[in-house]
C-alpha atoms as a PDB file:
ATOM      1  CA  UNK A   1       0.000   0.000   0.000  1.00  0.00           C
ATOM      2  CA  UNK A   2       1.278   3.516  -0.832  1.00  0.00           C
ATOM      3  CA  UNK A   3       2.285   5.667   2.108  1.00  0.00           C
ATOM      4  CA  UNK A   4      -0.541   8.153   2.768  1.00  0.00           C
ATOM      5  CA  UNK A   5       1.924  10.996   3.239  1.00  0.00           C
ATOM      6  CA  UNK A   6       4.523  10.215   0.604  1.00  0.00           C
ATOM      7  CA  UNK A   7       2.077   9.147  -2.097  1.00  0.00           C
ATOM      8  CA  UNK A   8       2.439   6.424  -4.736  1.00  0.00           C
ATOM      9  CA  UNK A   9       6.212   6.733  -5.073  1.00  0.00           C
ATOM     10  CA  UNK A  10       7.726   6.212  -1.601  1.00  0.00           C
ATOM     11  CA  UNK A  11      11.379   6.891  -0.862  1.00  0.00           C
ATOM     12  CA  UNK A  12      13.809   4.204  -2.038  1.00  0.00           C
ATOM     13  CA  UNK A  13      14.295   1.465   0.544  1.00  0.00           C
ATOM     14  CA  UNK A  14      17.979   2.398   0.893  1.00  0.00           C
ATOM     15  CA  UNK A  15      16.867   5.660   2.450  1.00  0.00           C
ATOM     16  CA  UNK A  16      16.670   5.525   6.278  1.00  0.00           C
ATOM     17  CA  UNK A  17      13.389   7.438   6.122  1.00  0.00           C
ATOM     18  CA  UNK A  18      11.728   5.017   3.668  1.00  0.00           C
ATOM     19  CA  UNK A  19       8.064   4.380   4.366  1.00  0.00           C
ATOM     20  CA  UNK A  20       8.005   6.527   7.483  1.00  0.00           C
ATOM     21  CA  UNK A  21       6.075   9.644   8.386  1.00  0.00           C
ATOM     22  CA  UNK A  22       8.867  12.144   8.934  1.00  0.00           C
ATOM     23  CA  UNK A  23       8.289  15.565  10.496  1.00  0.00           C
ATOM     24  CA  UNK A  24      10.672  18.366   9.637  1.00  0.00           C
ATOM     25  CA  UNK A  25      11.928  18.370  13.247  1.00  0.00           C
ATOM     26  CA  UNK A  26      12.779  14.680  13.088  1.00  0.00           C
ATOM     27  CA  UNK A  27      14.452  15.062   9.700  1.00  0.00           C
ATOM     28  CA  UNK A  28      16.640  17.989  10.806  1.00  0.00           C
ATOM     29  CA  UNK A  29      17.665  16.179  13.988  1.00  0.00           C
ATOM     30  CA  UNK A  30      18.638  13.071  12.016  1.00  0.00           C
ATOM     31  CA  UNK A  31      20.725  15.177   9.637  1.00  0.00           C
ATOM     32  CA  UNK A  32      22.371  16.924  12.607  1.00  0.00           C
ATOM     33  CA  UNK A  33      23.764  13.558  13.728  1.00  0.00           C
ATOM     34  CA  UNK A  34      26.050  13.667  10.701  1.00  0.00           C
ATOM     35  CA  UNK A  35      27.957  16.522  12.354  1.00  0.00           C
ATOM     36  CA  UNK A  36      29.445  15.269  15.656  1.00  0.00           C
ATOM     37  CA  UNK A  37      30.398  18.774  16.744  1.00  0.00           C
ATOM     38  CA  UNK A  38      26.989  20.308  16.028  1.00  0.00           C
ATOM     39  CA  UNK A  39      25.552  22.383  18.872  1.00  0.00           C
ATOM     40  CA  UNK A  40      21.953  22.331  17.646  1.00  0.00           C
ATOM     41  CA  UNK A  41      21.894  26.092  17.109  1.00  0.00           C
ATOM     42  CA  UNK A  42      21.346  25.880  13.349  1.00  0.00           C
ATOM     43  CA  UNK A  43      18.751  23.167  13.910  1.00  0.00           C
ATOM     44  CA  UNK A  44      16.788  25.478  16.191  1.00  0.00           C
ATOM     45  CA  UNK A  45      16.985  28.365  13.713  1.00  0.00           C
ATOM     46  CA  UNK A  46      15.433  26.104  11.085  1.00  0.00           C
ATOM     47  CA  UNK A  47      12.731  25.130  13.603  1.00  0.00           C
ATOM     48  CA  UNK A  48      11.973  28.821  14.182  1.00  0.00           C
ATOM     49  CA  UNK A  49      11.716  29.455  10.444  1.00  0.00           C
ATOM     50  CA  UNK A  50       9.353  26.502  10.096  1.00  0.00           C
ATOM     51  CA  UNK A  51       7.213  27.903  12.910  1.00  0.00           C
ATOM     52  CA  UNK A  52       7.208  31.318  11.239  1.00  0.00           C
ATOM     53  CA  UNK A  53       6.034  29.646   8.020  1.00  0.00           C
ATOM     54  CA  UNK A  54       3.147  27.952   9.845  1.00  0.00           C
ATOM     55  CA  UNK A  55       2.005  31.258  11.319  1.00  0.00           C
ATOM     56  CA  UNK A  56       2.303  33.116   8.002  1.00  0.00           C
ATOM     57  CA  UNK A  57       0.484  30.270   6.217  1.00  0.00           C
ATOM     58  CA  UNK A  58      -2.351  30.522   8.720  1.00  0.00           C
ATOM     59  CA  UNK A  59      -2.889  34.081   7.498  1.00  0.00           C
ATOM     60  CA  UNK A  60      -2.283  33.565   3.765  1.00  0.00           C
ATOM     61  CA  UNK A  61      -5.000  30.918   3.631  1.00  0.00           C
ATOM     62  CA  UNK A  62      -7.618  33.295   5.014  1.00  0.00           C
ATOM     63  CA  UNK A  63      -6.221  36.668   4.012  1.00  0.00           C
ATOM     64  CA  UNK A  64      -9.512  37.985   2.669  1.00  0.00           C
ATOM     65  CA  UNK A  65     -11.249  37.121   5.924  1.00  0.00           C
ATOM     66  CA  UNK A  66      -8.916  38.897   8.334  1.00  0.00           C
ATOM     67  CA  UNK A  67      -8.537  42.209   6.522  1.00  0.00           C
ATOM     68  CA  UNK A  68      -4.877  41.833   5.633  1.00  0.00           C
ATOM     69  CA  UNK A  69      -5.265  42.034   1.882  1.00  0.00           C
ATOM     70  CA  UNK A  70      -4.332  45.287   0.193  1.00  0.00           C
ATOM     71  CA  UNK A  71      -1.528  47.789   0.703  1.00  0.00           C
ATOM     72  CA  UNK A  72      -0.397  49.661   3.784  1.00  0.00           C
ATOM     73  CA  UNK A  73      -0.126  52.895   1.831  1.00  0.00           C
ATOM     74  CA  UNK A  74       3.659  53.141   2.174  1.00  0.00           C
ATOM     75  CA  UNK A  75       6.633  52.094   0.049  1.00  0.00           C
ATOM     76  CA  UNK A  76       9.609  49.970   1.077  1.00  0.00           C
ATOM     77  CA  UNK A  77      13.265  50.679   0.327  1.00  0.00           C
ATOM     78  CA  UNK A  78      12.790  49.212  -3.160  1.00  0.00           C
ATOM     79  CA  UNK A  79      10.134  51.819  -3.980  1.00  0.00           C
ATOM     80  CA  UNK A  80       7.497  49.081  -3.986  1.00  0.00           C
ATOM     81  CA  UNK A  81       4.110  49.445  -2.316  1.00  0.00           C
ATOM     82  CA  UNK A  82       4.119  47.422   0.903  1.00  0.00           C
ATOM     83  CA  UNK A  83       1.259  44.961   1.249  1.00  0.00           C
ATOM     84  CA  UNK A  84      -0.318  44.339   4.652  1.00  0.00           C
ATOM     85  CA  UNK A  85       0.665  40.674   4.514  1.00  0.00           C
ATOM     86  CA  UNK A  86       4.264  41.703   3.645  1.00  0.00           C
ATOM     87  CA  UNK A  87       4.408  43.682   6.848  1.00  0.00           C
ATOM     88  CA  UNK A  88       2.868  40.875   8.893  1.00  0.00           C
ATOM     89  CA  UNK A  89       5.312  38.247   7.561  1.00  0.00           C
ATOM     90  CA  UNK A  90       8.261  40.559   8.134  1.00  0.00           C
ATOM     91  CA  UNK A  91       7.240  41.133  11.750  1.00  0.00           C
ATOM     92  CA  UNK A  92       6.693  37.418  12.442  1.00  0.00           C
ATOM     93  CA  UNK A  93      10.105  36.410  11.100  1.00  0.00           C
ATOM     94  CA  UNK A  94      11.832  39.066  13.172  1.00  0.00           C
ATOM     95  CA  UNK A  95       9.929  38.461  16.402  1.00  0.00           C
ATOM     96  CA  UNK A  96      10.423  34.694  16.357  1.00  0.00           C
ATOM     97  CA  UNK A  97      14.187  35.113  15.938  1.00  0.00           C
ATOM     98  CA  UNK A  98      15.193  38.294  17.792  1.00  0.00           C
ATOM     99  CA  UNK A  99      15.371  36.872  21.328  1.00  0.00           C
ATOM    100  CA  UNK A 100      16.794  33.373  20.926  1.00  0.00           C
ATOM    101  CA  UNK A 101      20.501  34.142  21.301  1.00  0.00           C
ATOM    102  CA  UNK A 102      21.177  32.268  18.059  1.00  0.00           C
ATOM    103  CA  UNK A 103      21.574  35.235  15.710  1.00  0.00           C
ATOM    104  CA  UNK A 104      24.045  38.089  15.593  1.00  0.00           C
ATOM    105  CA  UNK A 105      21.984  40.202  13.195  1.00  0.00           C
ATOM    106  CA  UNK A 106      19.176  39.992  10.664  1.00  0.00           C
ATOM    107  CA  UNK A 107      18.323  41.806   7.444  1.00  0.00           C
ATOM    108  CA  UNK A 108      15.042  41.963   5.554  1.00  0.00           C
ATOM    109  CA  UNK A 109      14.203  42.985   2.023  1.00  0.00           C
ATOM    110  CA  UNK A 110      11.605  45.320   3.546  1.00  0.00           C
ATOM    111  CA  UNK A 111      14.100  47.459   5.503  1.00  0.00           C
ATOM    112  CA  UNK A 112      16.846  49.811   4.287  1.00  0.00           C
ATOM    113  CA  UNK A 113      19.405  48.792   6.924  1.00  0.00           C
ATOM    114  CA  UNK A 114      20.381  45.737   8.947  1.00  0.00           C
ATOM    115  CA  UNK A 115      18.090  44.666  11.787  1.00  0.00           C
ATOM    116  CA  UNK A 116      20.131  44.550  15.010  1.00  0.00           C
ATOM    117  CA  UNK A 117      19.211  42.136  17.754  1.00  0.00           C
ATOM    118  CA  UNK A 118      17.574  44.211  20.526  1.00  0.00           C
ATOM    119  CA  UNK A 119      20.122  45.246  23.173  1.00  0.00           C
ATOM    120  CA  UNK A 120      18.376  43.345  25.991  1.00  0.00           C
ATOM    121  CA  UNK A 121      18.734  40.004  24.154  1.00  0.00           C
ATOM    122  CA  UNK A 122      21.907  37.944  23.669  1.00  0.00           C
ATOM    123  CA  UNK A 123      23.500  37.434  20.250  1.00  0.00           C
ATOM    124  CA  UNK A 124      24.698  34.230  18.610  1.00  0.00           C
ATOM    125  CA  UNK A 125      26.874  32.794  15.842  1.00  0.00           C
ATOM    126  CA  UNK A 126      24.543  33.044  12.840  1.00  0.00           C
ATOM    127  CA  UNK A 127      23.080  35.654  10.477  1.00  0.00           C
ATOM    128  CA  UNK A 128      19.583  35.495   8.967  1.00  0.00           C
ATOM    129  CA  UNK A 129      18.530  37.327   5.810  1.00  0.00           C
ATOM    130  CA  UNK A 130      15.023  37.044   4.407  1.00  0.00           C
ATOM    131  CA  UNK A 131      12.495  38.211   1.871  1.00  0.00           C
ATOM    132  CA  UNK A 132       9.322  37.880   3.957  1.00  0.00           C
ATOM    133  CA  UNK A 133       6.920  37.652   1.006  1.00  0.00           C
ATOM    134  CA  UNK A 134       8.213  37.234  -2.517  1.00  0.00           C
ATOM    135  CA  UNK A 135       5.650  38.001  -5.219  1.00  0.00           C
ATOM    136  CA  UNK A 136       3.472  40.044  -2.908  1.00  0.00           C
ATOM    137  CA  UNK A 137       1.798  41.799  -5.850  1.00  0.00           C
ATOM    138  CA  UNK A 138      -0.001  38.460  -6.291  1.00  0.00           C
ATOM    139  CA  UNK A 139      -1.583  38.565  -2.831  1.00  0.00           C
ATOM    140  CA  UNK A 140      -4.770  40.387  -3.773  1.00  0.00           C
ATOM    141  CA  UNK A 141      -5.495  37.990  -6.641  1.00  0.00           C
ATOM    142  CA  UNK A 142      -4.885  34.778  -4.653  1.00  0.00           C
ATOM    143  CA  UNK A 143      -1.825  33.596  -6.586  1.00  0.00           C
ATOM    144  CA  UNK A 144       1.112  31.719  -5.025  1.00  0.00           C
ATOM    145  CA  UNK A 145       3.605  33.726  -2.985  1.00  0.00           C
ATOM    146  CA  UNK A 146       6.600  32.744  -0.879  1.00  0.00           C
ATOM    147  CA  UNK A 147       9.222  33.435   1.772  1.00  0.00           C
ATOM    148  CA  UNK A 148      12.963  33.153   1.059  1.00  0.00           C
ATOM    149  CA  UNK A 149      15.654  32.820   3.723  1.00  0.00           C
ATOM    150  CA  UNK A 150      19.456  32.623   3.880  1.00  0.00           C
ATOM    151  CA  UNK A 151      21.644  31.709   6.868  1.00  0.00           C
ATOM    152  CA  UNK A 152      25.355  32.492   7.267  1.00  0.00           C
ATOM    153  CA  UNK A 153      27.876  32.187  10.074  1.00  0.00           C
ATOM    154  CA  UNK A 154      28.757  35.614  11.426  1.00  0.00           C
ATOM    155  CA  UNK A 155      32.140  37.064  10.433  1.00  0.00           C
ATOM    156  CA  UNK A 156      32.433  39.552  13.289  1.00  0.00           C
ATOM    157  CA  UNK A 157      34.048  38.047  16.367  1.00  0.00           C
ATOM    158  CA  UNK A 158      31.825  39.455  19.106  1.00  0.00           C
ATOM    159  CA  UNK A 159      29.129  41.913  20.074  1.00  0.00           C
ATOM    160  CA  UNK A 160      26.239  42.962  17.859  1.00  0.00           C
ATOM    161  CA  UNK A 161      26.305  41.826  14.247  1.00  0.00           C
ATOM    162  CA  UNK A 162      27.461  44.148  11.477  1.00  0.00           C
ATOM    163  CA  UNK A 163      26.674  44.998   7.869  1.00  0.00           C
ATOM    164  CA  UNK A 164      29.731  42.964   6.855  1.00  0.00           C
ATOM    165  CA  UNK A 165      28.114  39.895   8.412  1.00  0.00           C
ATOM    166  CA  UNK A 166      25.225  40.295   5.971  1.00  0.00           C
ATOM    167  CA  UNK A 167      27.309  40.997   2.861  1.00  0.00           C
ATOM    168  CA  UNK A 168      28.734  37.532   2.335  1.00  0.00           C
ATOM    169  CA  UNK A 169      29.135  35.559  -0.879  1.00  0.00           C
ATOM    170  CA  UNK A 170      26.524  32.930  -1.536  1.00  0.00           C
ATOM    171  CA  UNK A 171      29.171  30.213  -1.565  1.00  0.00           C
ATOM    172  CA  UNK A 172      29.525  30.781   2.200  1.00  0.00           C
ATOM    173  CA  UNK A 173      25.875  30.013   2.929  1.00  0.00           C
ATOM    174  CA  UNK A 174      25.265  27.523   5.714  1.00  0.00           C
ATOM    175  CA  UNK A 175      21.608  26.985   4.801  1.00  0.00           C
ATOM    176  CA  UNK A 176      18.973  28.461   2.540  1.00  0.00           C
ATOM    177  CA  UNK A 177      15.427  27.770   1.542  1.00  0.00           C
ATOM    178  CA  UNK A 178      11.974  29.018   0.751  1.00  0.00           C
ATOM    179  CA  UNK A 179       8.364  28.523   1.716  1.00  0.00           C
ATOM    180  CA  UNK A 180       5.708  28.510  -0.980  1.00  0.00           C
ATOM    181  CA  UNK A 181       2.138  29.359   0.001  1.00  0.00           C
ATOM    182  CA  UNK A 182      -0.104  27.896  -2.683  1.00  0.00           C
ATOM    183  CA  UNK A 183      -2.568  25.041  -3.032  1.00  0.00           C
ATOM    184  CA  UNK A 184      -0.523  23.608  -0.173  1.00  0.00           C
ATOM    185  CA  UNK A 185       2.259  25.153   1.900  1.00  0.00           C
ATOM    186  CA  UNK A 186       5.712  23.710   1.280  1.00  0.00           C
ATOM    187  CA  UNK A 187       9.058  24.426   2.929  1.00  0.00           C
ATOM    188  CA  UNK A 188      12.099  23.568   0.805  1.00  0.00           C
ATOM    189  CA  UNK A 189      15.599  23.897   2.233  1.00  0.00           C
ATOM    190  CA  UNK A 190      19.213  22.747   2.067  1.00  0.00           C
ATOM    191  CA  UNK A 191      22.117  22.748   4.499  1.00  0.00           C
ATOM    192  CA  UNK A 192      24.517  21.556   1.812  1.00  0.00           C
ATOM    193  CA  UNK A 193      23.282  17.952   1.919  1.00  0.00           C
ATOM    194  CA  UNK A 194      20.863  18.054  -0.976  1.00  0.00           C
ATOM    195  CA  UNK A 195      17.473  19.744  -1.242  1.00  0.00           C
ATOM    196  CA  UNK A 196      14.473  18.470   0.684  1.00  0.00           C
ATOM    197  CA  UNK A 197      10.825  19.508   0.634  1.00  0.00           C
ATOM    198  CA  UNK A 198       8.199  19.348   3.369  1.00  0.00           C
ATOM    199  CA  UNK A 199       4.464  19.842   2.952  1.00  0.00           C
ATOM    200  CA  UNK A 200       2.400  21.338   5.752  1.00  0.00           C
ATOM    201  CA  UNK A 201      -0.399  19.062   6.895  1.00  0.00           C
ATOM    202  CA  UNK A 202      -2.902  21.564   8.336  1.00  0.00           C
ATOM    203  CA  UNK A 203      -4.841  18.842  10.126  1.00  0.00           C
ATOM    204  CA  UNK A 204      -1.916  18.190  12.475  1.00  0.00           C
ATOM    205  CA  UNK A 205       0.022  21.445  12.048  1.00  0.00           C
ATOM    206  CA  UNK A 206       3.240  19.714  10.979  1.00  0.00           C
ATOM    207  CA  UNK A 207       5.585  19.936   8.006  1.00  0.00           C
ATOM    208  CA  UNK A 208       6.008  16.360   6.738  1.00  0.00           C
ATOM    209  CA  UNK A 209       8.734  15.122   4.397  1.00  0.00           C
ATOM    210  CA  UNK A 210       7.140  14.839   0.965  1.00  0.00           C
ATOM    211  CA  UNK A 211       9.976  15.558  -1.501  1.00  0.00           C
ATOM    212  CA  UNK A 212      13.321  14.085  -0.373  1.00  0.00           C
ATOM    213  CA  UNK A 213      16.504  14.685  -2.351  1.00  0.00           C
ATOM    214  CA  UNK A 214      15.019  16.960  -5.012  1.00  0.00           C
ATOM    215  CA  UNK A 215      17.002  17.319  -8.240  1.00  0.00           C
ATOM    216  CA  UNK A 216      16.259  19.140 -11.485  1.00  0.00           C
ATOM    217  CA  UNK A 217      14.913  16.614 -14.025  1.00  0.00           C
ATOM    218  CA  UNK A 218      17.368  16.005 -16.862  1.00  0.00           C
ATOM    219  CA  UNK A 219      14.769  16.871 -19.513  1.00  0.00           C
ATOM    220  CA  UNK A 220      13.491  20.417 -18.827  1.00  0.00           C
ATOM    221  CA  UNK A 221       9.933  21.434 -19.675  1.00  0.00           C
ATOM    222  CA  UNK A 222       9.584  25.162 -19.014  1.00  0.00           C
ATOM    223  CA  UNK A 223      11.154  28.573 -19.220  1.00  0.00           C
ATOM    224  CA  UNK A 224       9.892  31.404 -17.023  1.00  0.00           C
ATOM    225  CA  UNK A 225      10.424  35.051 -17.913  1.00  0.00           C
ATOM    226  CA  UNK A 226       8.448  38.283 -18.004  1.00  0.00           C
ATOM    227  CA  UNK A 227       8.212  38.583 -21.784  1.00  0.00           C
ATOM    228  CA  UNK A 228       6.249  41.776 -21.432  1.00  0.00           C
ATOM    229  CA  UNK A 229       9.692  43.414 -21.194  1.00  0.00           C
ATOM    230  CA  UNK A 230      11.214  41.580 -24.165  1.00  0.00           C
ATOM    231  CA  UNK A 231      11.281  44.800 -26.173  1.00  0.00           C
ATOM    232  CA  UNK A 232      13.768  46.186 -23.626  1.00  0.00           C
ATOM    233  CA  UNK A 233      16.013  43.122 -23.343  1.00  0.00           C
ATOM    234  CA  UNK A 234      19.512  42.932 -24.761  1.00  0.00           C
ATOM    235  CA  UNK A 235      20.105  41.157 -28.061  1.00  0.00           C
ATOM    236  CA  UNK A 236      21.688  38.212 -26.262  1.00  0.00           C
ATOM    237  CA  UNK A 237      18.654  37.664 -24.025  1.00  0.00           C
ATOM    238  CA  UNK A 238      16.232  37.994 -26.957  1.00  0.00           C
ATOM    239  CA  UNK A 239      18.177  35.484 -29.037  1.00  0.00           C
ATOM    240  CA  UNK A 240      18.425  33.128 -26.072  1.00  0.00           C
ATOM    241  CA  UNK A 241      14.650  33.288 -25.658  1.00  0.00           C
ATOM    242  CA  UNK A 242      14.189  32.477 -29.347  1.00  0.00           C
ATOM    243  CA  UNK A 243      16.499  29.488 -28.883  1.00  0.00           C
ATOM    244  CA  UNK A 244      14.405  28.282 -25.934  1.00  0.00           C
ATOM    245  CA  UNK A 245      11.325  28.561 -28.147  1.00  0.00           C
ATOM    246  CA  UNK A 246      13.009  26.635 -30.967  1.00  0.00           C
ATOM    247  CA  UNK A 247      12.760  29.610 -33.344  1.00  0.00           C
ATOM    248  CA  UNK A 248      16.416  29.623 -34.430  1.00  0.00           C
ATOM    249  CA  UNK A 249      16.335  25.985 -35.505  1.00  0.00           C
ATOM    250  CA  UNK A 250      19.182  24.872 -33.243  1.00  0.00           C
ATOM    251  CA  UNK A 251      17.092  23.807 -30.270  1.00  0.00           C
ATOM    252  CA  UNK A 252      15.143  20.720 -31.279  1.00  0.00           C
ATOM    253  CA  UNK A 253      13.283  20.556 -27.977  1.00  0.00           C
ATOM    254  CA  UNK A 254      11.571  23.924 -27.453  1.00  0.00           C
ATOM    255  CA  UNK A 255      10.276  24.661 -23.970  1.00  0.00           C
ATOM    256  CA  UNK A 256       6.851  25.870 -22.933  1.00  0.00           C
ATOM    257  CA  UNK A 257       6.608  29.281 -21.296  1.00  0.00           C
ATOM    258  CA  UNK A 258       5.201  29.498 -17.752  1.00  0.00           C
ATOM    259  CA  UNK A 259       5.408  32.692 -15.720  1.00  0.00           C
ATOM    260  CA  UNK A 260       3.666  33.408 -12.423  1.00  0.00           C
ATOM    261  CA  UNK A 261       5.418  36.595 -11.317  1.00  0.00           C
ATOM    262  CA  UNK A 262       6.503  35.156  -7.985  1.00  0.00           C
ATOM    263  CA  UNK A 263      10.080  33.888  -8.249  1.00  0.00           C
ATOM    264  CA  UNK A 264       9.501  31.324  -5.501  1.00  0.00           C
ATOM    265  CA  UNK A 265       6.584  29.822  -7.418  1.00  0.00           C
ATOM    266  CA  UNK A 266       8.350  29.927 -10.784  1.00  0.00           C
ATOM    267  CA  UNK A 267      11.539  28.432  -9.327  1.00  0.00           C
ATOM    268  CA  UNK A 268       9.581  25.739  -7.475  1.00  0.00           C
ATOM    269  CA  UNK A 269       7.774  24.585 -10.606  1.00  0.00           C
ATOM    270  CA  UNK A 270      11.002  24.458 -12.602  1.00  0.00           C
ATOM    271  CA  UNK A 271      12.835  22.670  -9.788  1.00  0.00           C
ATOM    272  CA  UNK A 272      10.263  19.880  -9.859  1.00  0.00           C
ATOM    273  CA  UNK A 273       9.611  19.810 -13.623  1.00  0.00           C
ATOM    274  CA  UNK A 274      12.887  21.072 -15.094  1.00  0.00           C
ATOM    275  CA  UNK A 275      13.515  24.424 -16.741  1.00  0.00           C
ATOM    276  CA  UNK A 276      14.945  27.893 -16.248  1.00  0.00           C
ATOM    277  CA  UNK A 277      13.752  31.117 -14.653  1.00  0.00           C
ATOM    278  CA  UNK A 278      15.354  34.383 -15.715  1.00  0.00           C
ATOM    279  CA  UNK A 279      14.905  38.054 -14.979  1.00  0.00           C
ATOM    280  CA  UNK A 280      17.545  39.956 -16.956  1.00  0.00           C
ATOM    281  CA  UNK A 281      18.407  43.607 -16.977  1.00  0.00           C
ATOM    282  CA  UNK A 282      16.296  45.811 -19.251  1.00  0.00           C
ATOM    283  CA  UNK A 283      16.372  49.277 -20.763  1.00  0.00           C
ATOM    284  CA  UNK A 284      12.759  50.326 -20.195  1.00  0.00           C
ATOM    285  CA  UNK A 285      13.976  53.357 -18.217  1.00  0.00           C
ATOM    286  CA  UNK A 286      16.652  54.280 -20.731  1.00  0.00           C
ATOM    287  CA  UNK A 287      19.983  52.768 -19.674  1.00  0.00           C
ATOM    288  CA  UNK A 288      20.316  49.017 -19.203  1.00  0.00           C
ATOM    289  CA  UNK A 289      19.402  48.133 -15.606  1.00  0.00           C
ATOM    290  CA  UNK A 290      20.869  45.486 -13.337  1.00  0.00           C
ATOM    291  CA  UNK A 291      17.571  43.674 -13.171  1.00  0.00           C
ATOM    292  CA  UNK A 292      14.929  43.575 -10.468  1.00  0.00           C
ATOM    293  CA  UNK A 293      15.971  40.798  -8.091  1.00  0.00           C
ATOM    294  CA  UNK A 294      18.050  41.316  -4.964  1.00  0.00           C
ATOM    295  CA  UNK A 295      21.311  39.418  -4.657  1.00  0.00           C
ATOM    296  CA  UNK A 296      21.373  38.708  -0.915  1.00  0.00           C
ATOM    297  CA  UNK A 297      17.661  38.135  -0.279  1.00  0.00           C
ATOM    298  CA  UNK A 298      16.591  36.316  -3.427  1.00  0.00           C
ATOM    299  CA  UNK A 299      19.321  35.328  -5.875  1.00  0.00           C
ATOM    300  CA  UNK A 300      22.037  33.916  -3.584  1.00  0.00           C
ATOM    301  CA  UNK A 301      19.744  31.590  -1.590  1.00  0.00           C
ATOM    302  CA  UNK A 302      18.016  30.343  -4.749  1.00  0.00           C
ATOM    303  CA  UNK A 303      21.403  29.828  -6.421  1.00  0.00           C
ATOM    304  CA  UNK A 304      22.513  27.759  -3.412  1.00  0.00           C
ATOM    305  CA  UNK A 305      19.417  25.569  -3.692  1.00  0.00           C
ATOM    306  CA  UNK A 306      19.834  25.232  -7.458  1.00  0.00           C
ATOM    307  CA  UNK A 307      23.403  23.966  -7.150  1.00  0.00           C
ATOM    308  CA  UNK A 308      22.419  21.556  -4.397  1.00  0.00           C
ATOM    309  CA  UNK A 309      19.733  20.199  -6.754  1.00  0.00           C
ATOM    310  CA  UNK A 310      22.182  19.720  -9.636  1.00  0.00           C
ATOM    311  CA  UNK A 311      21.375  23.016 -11.351  1.00  0.00           C
ATOM    312  CA  UNK A 312      23.135  26.352 -11.652  1.00  0.00           C
ATOM    313  CA  UNK A 313      22.613  30.105 -11.342  1.00  0.00           C
ATOM    314  CA  UNK A 314      24.307  33.000 -13.120  1.00  0.00           C
ATOM    315  CA  UNK A 315      24.022  36.724 -13.654  1.00  0.00           C
ATOM    316  CA  UNK A 316      24.663  35.947 -17.313  1.00  0.00           C
ATOM    317  CA  UNK A 317      28.435  35.968 -16.972  1.00  0.00           C
ATOM    318  CA  UNK A 318      29.428  34.374 -13.658  1.00  0.00           C
ATOM    319  CA  UNK A 319      28.228  32.051 -10.920  1.00  0.00           C
ATOM    320  CA  UNK A 320      25.894  33.961  -8.582  1.00  0.00           C
ATOM    321  CA  UNK A 321      27.479  32.269  -5.551  1.00  0.00           C
ATOM    322  CA  UNK A 322      30.820  33.918  -6.414  1.00  0.00           C
ATOM    323  CA  UNK A 323      29.467  37.485  -6.481  1.00  0.00           C
ATOM    324  CA  UNK A 324      30.600  39.648  -3.570  1.00  0.00           C
ATOM    325  CA  UNK A 325      27.643  41.809  -2.445  1.00  0.00           C
ATOM    326  CA  UNK A 326      28.400  45.524  -2.251  1.00  0.00           C
ATOM    327  CA  UNK A 327      25.165  46.610  -0.592  1.00  0.00           C
ATOM    328  CA  UNK A 328      22.155  45.090   1.151  1.00  0.00           C
ATOM    329  CA  UNK A 329      19.776  45.806  -1.699  1.00  0.00           C
ATOM    330  CA  UNK A 330      22.059  45.198  -4.667  1.00  0.00           C
ATOM    331  CA  UNK A 331      20.216  43.928  -7.724  1.00  0.00           C
ATOM    332  CA  UNK A 332      21.548  41.593 -10.399  1.00  0.00           C
ATOM    333  CA  UNK A 333      20.319  39.941 -13.610  1.00  0.00           C
ATOM    334  CA  UNK A 334      19.407  36.368 -12.726  1.00  0.00           C
ATOM    335  CA  UNK A 335      19.292  33.061 -14.605  1.00  0.00           C
ATOM    336  CA  UNK A 336      18.594  29.914 -12.556  1.00  0.00           C
ATOM    337  CA  UNK A 337      17.611  26.349 -13.383  1.00  0.00           C
ATOM    338  CA  UNK A 338      18.935  23.337 -15.256  1.00  0.00           C
ATOM    339  CA  UNK A 339      22.702  23.593 -15.576  1.00  0.00           C
ATOM    340  CA  UNK A 340      22.815  23.248 -19.373  1.00  0.00           C
ATOM    341  CA  UNK A 341      20.153  25.945 -19.840  1.00  0.00           C
ATOM    342  CA  UNK A 342      22.067  28.381 -17.636  1.00  0.00           C
ATOM    343  CA  UNK A 343      25.280  27.615 -19.539  1.00  0.00           C
ATOM    344  CA  UNK A 344      23.451  28.271 -22.818  1.00  0.00           C
ATOM    345  CA  UNK A 345      22.273  31.650 -21.532  1.00  0.00           C
ATOM    346  CA  UNK A 346      25.877  32.591 -20.721  1.00  0.00           C
ATOM    347  CA  UNK A 347      26.883  31.468 -24.208  1.00  0.00           C
ATOM    348  CA  UNK A 348      24.340  33.763 -25.888  1.00  0.00           C
ATOM    349  CA  UNK A 349      25.175  36.746 -23.689  1.00  0.00           C
ATOM    350  CA  UNK A 350      28.910  36.302 -24.245  1.00  0.00           C
ATOM    351  CA  UNK A 351      28.343  36.174 -28.011  1.00  0.00           C
ATOM    352  CA  UNK A 352      25.946  39.100 -28.434  1.00  0.00           C
ATOM    353  CA  UNK A 353      26.210  41.378 -25.410  1.00  0.00           C
ATOM    354  CA  UNK A 354      29.904  41.730 -24.627  1.00  0.00           C
END
């Protein structure tokens, strides 16, 4: 009989979790055993993020009933209108992590500067960066949205955390992940031991292992891009898109286009089905921009997950994980997905845009 939680395709019998109902807490604890010197601090941070996701999910599933749809009437540091649910998610993530003594500092996509740990609480060895609600323009129309998080070890030796602690290369990530709030709520994360997905069972209030050891399928199906801006893309990006569509005759397996407008949702679909998401720079405001997506809050953590799942991520010219952030809200062009599709994007940009 198929496992009621894992569905018709249970984990291979060589897996220690095969055929079992595995909560996210149990899974993280089992993985922690692989590190004899582990203190449990990172484990508890991941627990706190999972709890934050449960609380946020409890609101996203009934947003229209609790008067948290719509905007707050103010703009964030990005110049974007802040949604009420954005503000709620941001507050939950901060409040569940500010007092634990596990973090030195936090930073959120919604705030211009770092978020210090309040002076009356102790600090710890890790740094947490997060985008509380990616794709929040979709909130009012009931389309999938998500939370993205990134965890680093602090670089400063003592005291309160610093800006430098937050401006680390993605290759130094200790853990990263996202939560997608859709038809179901899923938490997907990696600590450098593969990518694992957990689905929230609302009847028991637990994240249960549903997608162990996720990898990009070898045969991709989709590409995801905002083609409304194609007129403003560089020649390299336009030609790459034509190649994906099979228009130039060289790609014998054209991909279907799927675009939601929430990177978490677009990435999640391509992670499970194979494909590439890209948001390049554009010239709609005159000069070519550096794109829309933030390096430290969005691109680096997704790049980390992509590599752990056998994929890749690039700004069109280099590995995203090798980019040294210069500011908290630095934006970059972003290509992420199947490794060969990302390499092909770099090939087109090198040929036409250099």
